Amino acid sequence: MAYYKRLRELREDHDYTQKFVADYLGMKQPQYFRYEQGFRDLPTDILIKLADLYHTSTDYLLERTPSPD
């Protein structure tokens, strides 16, 4: 699975909307949509904020580890 699919799965598992995540990240929903669809690469600062939001590691988000710890 591509890392951007993991972003969607985590968001849905937490019952967050794209708008909620986009607001948390300080961006508009269409911009976040492009990250989640794999149309744009994640900048490092956004990657870190997403890891904080989901209480996981950046390695898990990038599929470098199979476990969210």
PDB file of N, CA and C in Angstrom:
ATOM      1  N   MET A   1       0.848  -1.173   0.000  1.00  0.00           N
ATOM      2  CA  MET A   1       0.000   0.000   0.000  1.00  0.00           C
ATOM      3  C   MET A   1       0.896   1.239   0.000  1.00  0.00           C
ATOM      4  N   ALA A   2       0.503   2.229  -0.715  1.00  0.00           N
ATOM      5  CA  ALA A   2       1.255   3.484  -0.744  1.00  0.00           C
ATOM      6  C   ALA A   2       0.965   4.263   0.534  1.00  0.00           C
ATOM      7  N   TYR A   3       1.939   5.056   0.979  1.00  0.00           N
ATOM      8  CA  TYR A   3       1.789   5.749   2.260  1.00  0.00           C
ATOM      9  C   TYR A   3       0.547   6.629   2.296  1.00  0.00           C
ATOM     10  N   TYR A   4       0.158   7.220   1.173  1.00  0.00           N
ATOM     11  CA  TYR A   4      -1.001   8.107   1.188  1.00  0.00           C
ATOM     12  C   TYR A   4      -2.285   7.342   1.500  1.00  0.00           C
ATOM     13  N   LYS A   5      -2.341   6.056   1.174  1.00  0.00           N
ATOM     14  CA  LYS A   5      -3.507   5.257   1.543  1.00  0.00           C
ATOM     15  C   LYS A   5      -3.564   5.065   3.059  1.00  0.00           C
ATOM     16  N   ARG A   6      -2.402   4.977   3.684  1.00  0.00           N
ATOM     17  CA  ARG A   6      -2.350   4.859   5.145  1.00  0.00           C
ATOM     18  C   ARG A   6      -2.911   6.130   5.782  1.00  0.00           C
ATOM     19  N   LEU A   7      -2.665   7.277   5.184  1.00  0.00           N
ATOM     20  CA  LEU A   7      -3.220   8.522   5.713  1.00  0.00           C
ATOM     21  C   LEU A   7      -4.738   8.469   5.749  1.00  0.00           C
ATOM     22  N   ARG A   8      -5.332   7.981   4.680  1.00  0.00           N
ATOM     23  CA  ARG A   8      -6.795   7.884   4.630  1.00  0.00           C
ATOM     24  C   ARG A   8      -7.302   6.879   5.659  1.00  0.00           C
ATOM     25  N   GLU A   9      -6.654   5.733   5.754  1.00  0.00           N
ATOM     26  CA  GLU A   9      -7.093   4.723   6.712  1.00  0.00           C
ATOM     27  C   GLU A   9      -7.018   5.251   8.144  1.00  0.00           C
ATOM     28  N   LEU A  10      -5.941   5.908   8.484  1.00  0.00           N
ATOM     29  CA  LEU A  10      -5.818   6.474   9.831  1.00  0.00           C
ATOM     30  C   LEU A  10      -6.895   7.523  10.087  1.00  0.00           C
ATOM     31  N   ARG A  11      -7.125   8.370   9.106  1.00  0.00           N
ATOM     32  CA  ARG A  11      -8.155   9.410   9.263  1.00  0.00           C
ATOM     33  C   ARG A  11      -9.514   8.774   9.487  1.00  0.00           C
ATOM     34  N   GLU A  12      -9.851   7.786   8.680  1.00  0.00           N
ATOM     35  CA  GLU A  12     -11.151   7.128   8.818  1.00  0.00           C
ATOM     36  C   GLU A  12     -11.243   6.342  10.128  1.00  0.00           C
ATOM     37  N   ASP A  13     -10.155   5.700  10.547  1.00  0.00           N
ATOM     38  CA  ASP A  13     -10.150   4.961  11.818  1.00  0.00           C
ATOM     39  C   ASP A  13     -10.407   5.879  13.013  1.00  0.00           C
ATOM     40  N   HIS A  14      -9.993   7.133  12.884  1.00  0.00           N
ATOM     41  CA  HIS A  14     -10.203   8.099  13.966  1.00  0.00           C
ATOM     42  C   HIS A  14     -11.500   8.894  13.787  1.00  0.00           C
ATOM     43  N   ASP A  15     -12.263   8.571  12.752  1.00  0.00           N
ATOM     44  CA  ASP A  15     -13.527   9.263  12.449  1.00  0.00           C
ATOM     45  C   ASP A  15     -13.332  10.761  12.236  1.00  0.00           C
ATOM     46  N   TYR A  16     -12.207  11.114  11.597  1.00  0.00           N
ATOM     47  CA  TYR A  16     -11.935  12.499  11.245  1.00  0.00           C
ATOM     48  C   TYR A  16     -12.350  12.750   9.800  1.00  0.00           C
ATOM     49  N   THR A  17     -12.795  13.955   9.533  1.00  0.00           N
ATOM     50  CA  THR A  17     -13.067  14.355   8.154  1.00  0.00           C
ATOM     51  C   THR A  17     -11.795  14.951   7.565  1.00  0.00           C
ATOM     52  N   GLN A  18     -11.757  15.047   6.245  1.00  0.00           N
ATOM     53  CA  GLN A  18     -10.625  15.718   5.606  1.00  0.00           C
ATOM     54  C   GLN A  18     -10.564  17.172   6.062  1.00  0.00           C
ATOM     55  N   LYS A  19     -11.699  17.798   6.249  1.00  0.00           N
ATOM     56  CA  LYS A  19     -11.723  19.188   6.691  1.00  0.00           C
ATOM     57  C   LYS A  19     -11.122  19.323   8.081  1.00  0.00           C
ATOM     58  N   PHE A  20     -11.448  18.396   8.983  1.00  0.00           N
ATOM     59  CA  PHE A  20     -10.888  18.446  10.331  1.00  0.00           C
ATOM     60  C   PHE A  20      -9.360  18.360  10.281  1.00  0.00           C
ATOM     61  N   VAL A  21      -8.844  17.405   9.515  1.00  0.00           N
ATOM     62  CA  VAL A  21      -7.394  17.225   9.421  1.00  0.00           C
ATOM     63  C   VAL A  21      -6.755  18.449   8.759  1.00  0.00           C
ATOM     64  N   ALA A  22      -7.383  18.938   7.710  1.00  0.00           N
ATOM     65  CA  ALA A  22      -6.850  20.125   7.031  1.00  0.00           C
ATOM     66  C   ALA A  22      -6.804  21.318   7.982  1.00  0.00           C
ATOM     67  N   ASP A  23      -7.855  21.523   8.758  1.00  0.00           N
ATOM     68  CA  ASP A  23      -7.872  22.620   9.730  1.00  0.00           C
ATOM     69  C   ASP A  23      -6.763  22.439  10.761  1.00  0.00           C
ATOM     70  N   TYR A  24      -6.571  21.215  11.234  1.00  0.00           N
ATOM     71  CA  TYR A  24      -5.510  20.916  12.191  1.00  0.00           C
ATOM     72  C   TYR A  24      -4.141  21.276  11.612  1.00  0.00           C
ATOM     73  N   LEU A  25      -3.981  21.011  10.323  1.00  0.00           N
ATOM     74  CA  LEU A  25      -2.708  21.279   9.652  1.00  0.00           C
ATOM     75  C   LEU A  25      -2.575  22.728   9.192  1.00  0.00           C
ATOM     76  N   GLY A  26      -3.649  23.497   9.295  1.00  0.00           N
ATOM     77  CA  GLY A  26      -3.612  24.899   8.886  1.00  0.00           C
ATOM     78  C   GLY A  26      -3.655  25.092   7.382  1.00  0.00           C
ATOM     79  N   MET A  27      -4.448  24.263   6.716  1.00  0.00           N
ATOM     80  CA  MET A  27      -4.569  24.364   5.258  1.00  0.00           C
ATOM     81  C   MET A  27      -6.018  24.164   4.850  1.00  0.00           C
ATOM     82  N   LYS A  28      -6.294  24.392   3.599  1.00  0.00           N
ATOM     83  CA  LYS A  28      -7.633  24.162   3.052  1.00  0.00           C
ATOM     84  C   LYS A  28      -7.810  22.668   2.747  1.00  0.00           C
ATOM     85  N   GLN A  29      -9.055  22.217   2.782  1.00  0.00           N
ATOM     86  CA  GLN A  29      -9.360  20.808   2.551  1.00  0.00           C
ATOM     87  C   GLN A  29      -8.877  20.306   1.187  1.00  0.00           C
ATOM     88  N   PRO A  30      -9.018  21.072   0.097  1.00  0.00           N
ATOM     89  CA  PRO A  30      -8.524  20.553  -1.188  1.00  0.00           C
ATOM     90  C   PRO A  30      -7.019  20.273  -1.202  1.00  0.00           C
ATOM     91  N   GLN A  31      -6.265  21.070  -0.462  1.00  0.00           N
ATOM     92  CA  GLN A  31      -4.820  20.838  -0.393  1.00  0.00           C
ATOM     93  C   GLN A  31      -4.542  19.518   0.331  1.00  0.00           C
ATOM     94  N   TYR A  32      -5.229  19.293   1.456  1.00  0.00           N
ATOM     95  CA  TYR A  32      -5.036  18.029   2.170  1.00  0.00           C
ATOM     96  C   TYR A  32      -5.470  16.852   1.300  1.00  0.00           C
ATOM     97  N   PHE A  33      -6.568  17.013   0.573  1.00  0.00           N
ATOM     98  CA  PHE A  33      -7.059  15.969  -0.334  1.00  0.00           C
ATOM     99  C   PHE A  33      -5.953  15.515  -1.285  1.00  0.00           C
ATOM    100  N   ARG A  34      -5.173  16.459  -1.811  1.00  0.00           N
ATOM    101  CA  ARG A  34      -4.092  16.116  -2.743  1.00  0.00           C
ATOM    102  C   ARG A  34      -3.013  15.269  -2.079  1.00  0.00           C
ATOM    103  N   TYR A  35      -2.732  15.520  -0.814  1.00  0.00           N
ATOM    104  CA  TYR A  35      -1.770  14.674  -0.084  1.00  0.00           C
ATOM    105  C   TYR A  35      -2.330  13.269   0.096  1.00  0.00           C
ATOM    106  N   GLU A  36      -3.590  13.204   0.497  1.00  0.00           N
ATOM    107  CA  GLU A  36      -4.207  11.905   0.787  1.00  0.00           C
ATOM    108  C   GLU A  36      -4.403  11.068  -0.476  1.00  0.00           C
ATOM    109  N   GLN A  37      -4.519  11.703  -1.605  1.00  0.00           N
ATOM    110  CA  GLN A  37      -4.678  10.985  -2.869  1.00  0.00           C
ATOM    111  C   GLN A  37      -3.345  10.658  -3.533  1.00  0.00           C
ATOM    112  N   GLY A  38      -2.262  11.162  -2.981  1.00  0.00           N
ATOM    113  CA  GLY A  38      -0.947  10.901  -3.546  1.00  0.00           C
ATOM    114  C   GLY A  38      -0.585  11.813  -4.704  1.00  0.00           C
ATOM    115  N   PHE A  39      -1.349  12.885  -4.879  1.00  0.00           N
ATOM    116  CA  PHE A  39      -1.055  13.829  -5.958  1.00  0.00           C
ATOM    117  C   PHE A  39       0.119  14.739  -5.616  1.00  0.00           C
ATOM    118  N   ARG A  40       0.389  14.901  -4.310  1.00  0.00           N
ATOM    119  CA  ARG A  40       1.501  15.738  -3.849  1.00  0.00           C
ATOM    120  C   ARG A  40       2.244  15.005  -2.754  1.00  0.00           C
ATOM    121  N   ASP A  41       3.549  15.186  -2.708  1.00  0.00           N
ATOM    122  CA  ASP A  41       4.352  14.607  -1.635  1.00  0.00           C
ATOM    123  C   ASP A  41       4.169  15.404  -0.353  1.00  0.00           C
ATOM    124  N   LEU A  42       4.274  14.698   0.764  1.00  0.00           N
ATOM    125  CA  LEU A  42       4.134  15.344   2.066  1.00  0.00           C
ATOM    126  C   LEU A  42       5.402  16.094   2.451  1.00  0.00           C
ATOM    127  N   PRO A  43       5.296  17.373   2.770  1.00  0.00           N
ATOM    128  CA  PRO A  43       6.447  18.077   3.328  1.00  0.00           C
ATOM    129  C   PRO A  43       6.737  17.527   4.730  1.00  0.00           C
ATOM    130  N   THR A  44       7.956  17.650   5.165  1.00  0.00           N
ATOM    131  CA  THR A  44       8.367  17.106   6.457  1.00  0.00           C
ATOM    132  C   THR A  44       7.539  17.666   7.607  1.00  0.00           C
ATOM    133  N   ASP A  45       7.269  18.958   7.601  1.00  0.00           N
ATOM    134  CA  ASP A  45       6.513  19.543   8.717  1.00  0.00           C
ATOM    135  C   ASP A  45       5.090  18.990   8.788  1.00  0.00           C
ATOM    136  N   ILE A  46       4.488  18.724   7.653  1.00  0.00           N
ATOM    137  CA  ILE A  46       3.139  18.145   7.628  1.00  0.00           C
ATOM    138  C   ILE A  46       3.190  16.692   8.097  1.00  0.00           C
ATOM    139  N   LEU A  47       4.191  15.965   7.669  1.00  0.00           N
ATOM    140  CA  LEU A  47       4.377  14.579   8.093  1.00  0.00           C
ATOM    141  C   LEU A  47       4.479  14.495   9.619  1.00  0.00           C
ATOM    142  N   ILE A  48       5.248  15.378  10.219  1.00  0.00           N
ATOM    143  CA  ILE A  48       5.418  15.383  11.676  1.00  0.00           C
ATOM    144  C   ILE A  48       4.100  15.719  12.373  1.00  0.00           C
ATOM    145  N   LYS A  49       3.382  16.706  11.863  1.00  0.00           N
ATOM    146  CA  LYS A  49       2.099  17.068  12.467  1.00  0.00           C
ATOM    147  C   LYS A  49       1.098  15.919  12.383  1.00  0.00           C
ATOM    148  N   LEU A  50       1.096  15.194  11.264  1.00  0.00           N
ATOM    149  CA  LEU A  50       0.195  14.047  11.128  1.00  0.00           C
ATOM    150  C   LEU A  50       0.575  12.935  12.104  1.00  0.00           C
ATOM    151  N   ALA A  51       1.854  12.699  12.273  1.00  0.00           N
ATOM    152  CA  ALA A  51       2.297  11.696  13.245  1.00  0.00           C
ATOM    153  C   ALA A  51       1.849  12.096  14.652  1.00  0.00           C
ATOM    154  N   ASP A  52       1.935  13.368  14.978  1.00  0.00           N
ATOM    155  CA  ASP A  52       1.474  13.851  16.282  1.00  0.00           C
ATOM    156  C   ASP A  52      -0.043  13.675  16.418  1.00  0.00           C
ATOM    157  N   LEU A  53      -0.781  14.021  15.391  1.00  0.00           N
ATOM    158  CA  LEU A  53      -2.242  13.905  15.419  1.00  0.00           C
ATOM    159  C   LEU A  53      -2.671  12.468  15.681  1.00  0.00           C
ATOM    160  N   TYR A  54      -2.026  11.524  15.018  1.00  0.00           N
ATOM    161  CA  TYR A  54      -2.415  10.120  15.129  1.00  0.00           C
ATOM    162  C   TYR A  54      -1.614   9.355  16.197  1.00  0.00           C
ATOM    163  N   HIS A  55      -0.764  10.068  16.931  1.00  0.00           N
ATOM    164  CA  HIS A  55       0.035   9.447  17.995  1.00  0.00           C
ATOM    165  C   HIS A  55       0.798   8.227  17.484  1.00  0.00           C
ATOM    166  N   THR A  56       1.503   8.441  16.400  1.00  0.00           N
ATOM    167  CA  THR A  56       2.283   7.370  15.785  1.00  0.00           C
ATOM    168  C   THR A  56       3.610   7.940  15.304  1.00  0.00           C
ATOM    169  N   SER A  57       4.396   7.105  14.670  1.00  0.00           N
ATOM    170  CA  SER A  57       5.700   7.562  14.178  1.00  0.00           C
ATOM    171  C   SER A  57       5.612   7.961  12.703  1.00  0.00           C
ATOM    172  N   THR A  58       6.555   8.779  12.302  1.00  0.00           N
ATOM    173  CA  THR A  58       6.627   9.127  10.883  1.00  0.00           C
ATOM    174  C   THR A  58       6.979   7.884  10.056  1.00  0.00           C
ATOM    175  N   ASP A  59       7.767   6.982  10.626  1.00  0.00           N
ATOM    176  CA  ASP A  59       8.097   5.738   9.922  1.00  0.00           C
ATOM    177  C   ASP A  59       6.837   4.926   9.614  1.00  0.00           C
ATOM    178  N   TYR A  60       5.901   4.893  10.562  1.00  0.00           N
ATOM    179  CA  TYR A  60       4.654   4.162  10.309  1.00  0.00           C
ATOM    180  C   TYR A  60       3.866   4.835   9.189  1.00  0.00           C
ATOM    181  N   LEU A  61       3.792   6.156   9.222  1.00  0.00           N
ATOM    182  CA  LEU A  61       3.062   6.866   8.168  1.00  0.00           C
ATOM    183  C   LEU A  61       3.672   6.616   6.793  1.00  0.00           C
ATOM    184  N   LEU A  62       4.980   6.504   6.745  1.00  0.00           N
ATOM    185  CA  LEU A  62       5.678   6.289   5.479  1.00  0.00           C
ATOM    186  C   LEU A  62       5.833   4.808   5.133  1.00  0.00           C
ATOM    187  N   GLU A  63       5.221   3.943   5.958  1.00  0.00           N
ATOM    188  CA  GLU A  63       5.244   2.494   5.749  1.00  0.00           C
ATOM    189  C   GLU A  63       6.634   1.887   5.856  1.00  0.00           C
ATOM    190  N   ARG A  64       7.432   2.462   6.728  1.00  0.00           N
ATOM    191  CA  ARG A  64       8.760   1.895   6.976  1.00  0.00           C
ATOM    192  C   ARG A  64       8.713   0.883   8.119  1.00  0.00           C
ATOM    193  N   THR A  65       7.628   0.933   8.894  1.00  0.00           N
ATOM    194  CA  THR A  65       7.410  -0.046   9.952  1.00  0.00           C
ATOM    195  C   THR A  65       5.971  -0.537   9.881  1.00  0.00           C
ATOM    196  N   PRO A  66       5.720  -1.789  10.215  1.00  0.00           N
ATOM    197  CA  PRO A  66       4.364  -2.332  10.134  1.00  0.00           C
ATOM    198  C   PRO A  66       3.502  -1.976  11.332  1.00  0.00           C
ATOM    199  N   SER A  67       4.115  -1.523  12.424  1.00  0.00           N
ATOM    200  CA  SER A  67       3.386  -1.236  13.659  1.00  0.00           C
ATOM    201  C   SER A  67       3.318   0.263  13.912  1.00  0.00           C
ATOM    202  N   PRO A  68       2.187   0.741  14.424  1.00  0.00           N
ATOM    203  CA  PRO A  68       2.047   2.188  14.658  1.00  0.00           C
ATOM    204  C   PRO A  68       2.838   2.700  15.850  1.00  0.00           C
ATOM    205  N   ASP A  69       3.506   1.881  16.589  1.00  0.00           N
ATOM    206  CA  ASP A  69       4.246   2.327  17.783  1.00  0.00           C
ATOM    207  C   ASP A  69       5.515   3.040  17.427  1.00  0.00           C
TER     208      ASP A  69
END
